[in-house]
Amino acid sequence: MLIYEGEVAKMMDIRTTSIKLVDDCGNGWDRVLIFGSTPYQHAMIGGQWKRFMDARRLREGVKIRLGVSMAGENDTIYLTAIAG
């Protein structure tokens, strides 16, 4: 879950319902984007995380870094796995 303030608010548009994640190998992963407001404004990226983890041979607890190409209404988020 991402708290929807600061940098996250600059990355995504709350009217968006889906997003494409692109990993550091160039693979694209279509994901559902869910925005909530209780108990605070937040965004959740959902859908097939187990498949992503298996494909990348990642384990629970690994840290990922999210980024976008520019501030604004993005439909693609880039991610990199960081050793955890």
Protein backbone atom coordinates (compact mmCIF):
# COMPACT_ATOMS: atom_id res chain seq x y z
CA MET A 1 0.00 0.00 0.00
CA LEU A 2 1.29 3.45 -0.91
CA ILE A 3 0.21 6.47 1.12
CA TYR A 4 -1.22 8.88 -1.44
CA GLU A 5 0.68 12.04 -0.60
CA GLY A 6 4.01 13.58 -1.45
CA GLU A 7 5.74 11.76 -4.31
CA VAL A 8 2.97 9.20 -4.88
CA ALA A 9 0.43 11.97 -5.50
CA LYS A 10 2.78 13.36 -8.17
CA MET A 11 3.14 9.94 -9.87
CA MET A 12 -0.44 8.76 -10.36
CA ASP A 13 -3.85 10.07 -11.36
CA ILE A 14 -6.72 9.00 -9.09
CA ARG A 15 -8.98 8.52 -12.14
CA THR A 16 -6.76 5.64 -13.30
CA THR A 17 -7.96 2.07 -12.59
CA SER A 18 -5.10 0.11 -14.12
CA ILE A 19 -1.39 0.57 -14.43
CA LYS A 20 1.51 -1.15 -16.15
CA LEU A 21 4.57 -2.05 -14.11
CA VAL A 22 7.81 -2.44 -16.04
CA ASP A 23 10.58 -4.29 -14.22
CA ASP A 24 14.30 -3.75 -14.58
CA CYS A 25 14.43 -6.53 -17.23
CA GLY A 26 11.90 -4.73 -19.43
CA ASN A 27 9.00 -7.11 -18.69
CA GLY A 28 5.56 -5.49 -18.51
CA TRP A 29 3.01 -6.46 -15.87
CA ASP A 30 -0.57 -5.15 -16.05
CA ARG A 31 -1.93 -4.33 -12.59
CA VAL A 32 -5.12 -3.03 -11.00
CA LEU A 33 -4.79 0.31 -9.26
CA ILE A 34 -7.10 0.89 -6.29
CA PHE A 35 -7.41 4.19 -4.45
CA GLY A 36 -8.88 4.40 -0.96
CA SER A 37 -9.46 7.09 1.62
CA THR A 38 -10.08 5.22 4.89
CA PRO A 39 -8.35 5.68 7.31
CA TYR A 40 -6.12 7.84 5.08
CA GLN A 41 -5.68 8.42 1.34
CA HIS A 42 -3.73 5.56 -0.19
CA ALA A 43 -3.18 3.61 -3.41
CA MET A 44 -2.86 -0.16 -3.74
CA ILE A 45 -1.36 -1.94 -6.73
CA GLY A 46 -3.00 -5.36 -7.01
CA GLY A 47 -3.05 -8.45 -9.19
CA GLN A 48 -0.80 -11.46 -9.79
CA TRP A 49 2.06 -10.49 -7.48
CA LYS A 50 2.89 -14.18 -6.90
CA ARG A 51 3.43 -14.65 -10.65
CA PHE A 52 5.71 -11.60 -10.71
CA MET A 53 7.68 -12.81 -7.68
CA ASP A 54 8.07 -16.32 -9.14
CA ALA A 55 9.16 -15.00 -12.55
CA ARG A 56 11.78 -12.75 -10.97
CA ARG A 57 12.78 -15.37 -8.34
CA LEU A 58 12.10 -12.92 -5.54
CA ARG A 59 11.14 -13.82 -1.97
CA GLU A 60 8.91 -12.25 0.64
CA GLY A 61 10.58 -9.27 2.29
CA VAL A 62 12.45 -8.03 -0.79
CA LYS A 63 12.30 -4.27 -1.19
CA ILE A 64 11.26 -2.68 -4.47
CA ARG A 65 11.80 0.85 -5.70
CA LEU A 66 9.06 2.47 -7.80
CA GLY A 67 9.59 5.32 -10.23
CA VAL A 68 8.05 7.10 -13.18
CA SER A 69 9.55 8.78 -16.23
CA MET A 70 8.12 12.20 -15.29
CA ALA A 71 5.79 13.81 -12.77
CA GLY A 72 2.15 13.83 -13.78
CA GLU A 73 -0.51 11.40 -14.90
CA ASN A 74 1.46 8.22 -15.60
CA ASP A 75 0.06 4.90 -16.77
CA THR A 76 3.41 3.13 -16.41
CA ILE A 77 5.46 2.67 -13.25
CA TYR A 78 8.99 1.28 -13.35
CA LEU A 79 10.25 -0.92 -10.56
CA THR A 80 13.56 -2.34 -9.47
CA ALA A 81 14.10 -5.05 -6.88
CA ILE A 82 16.55 -4.15 -4.13
CA ALA A 83 18.26 -6.88 -2.13
CA GLY A 84 16.47 -7.17 1.19
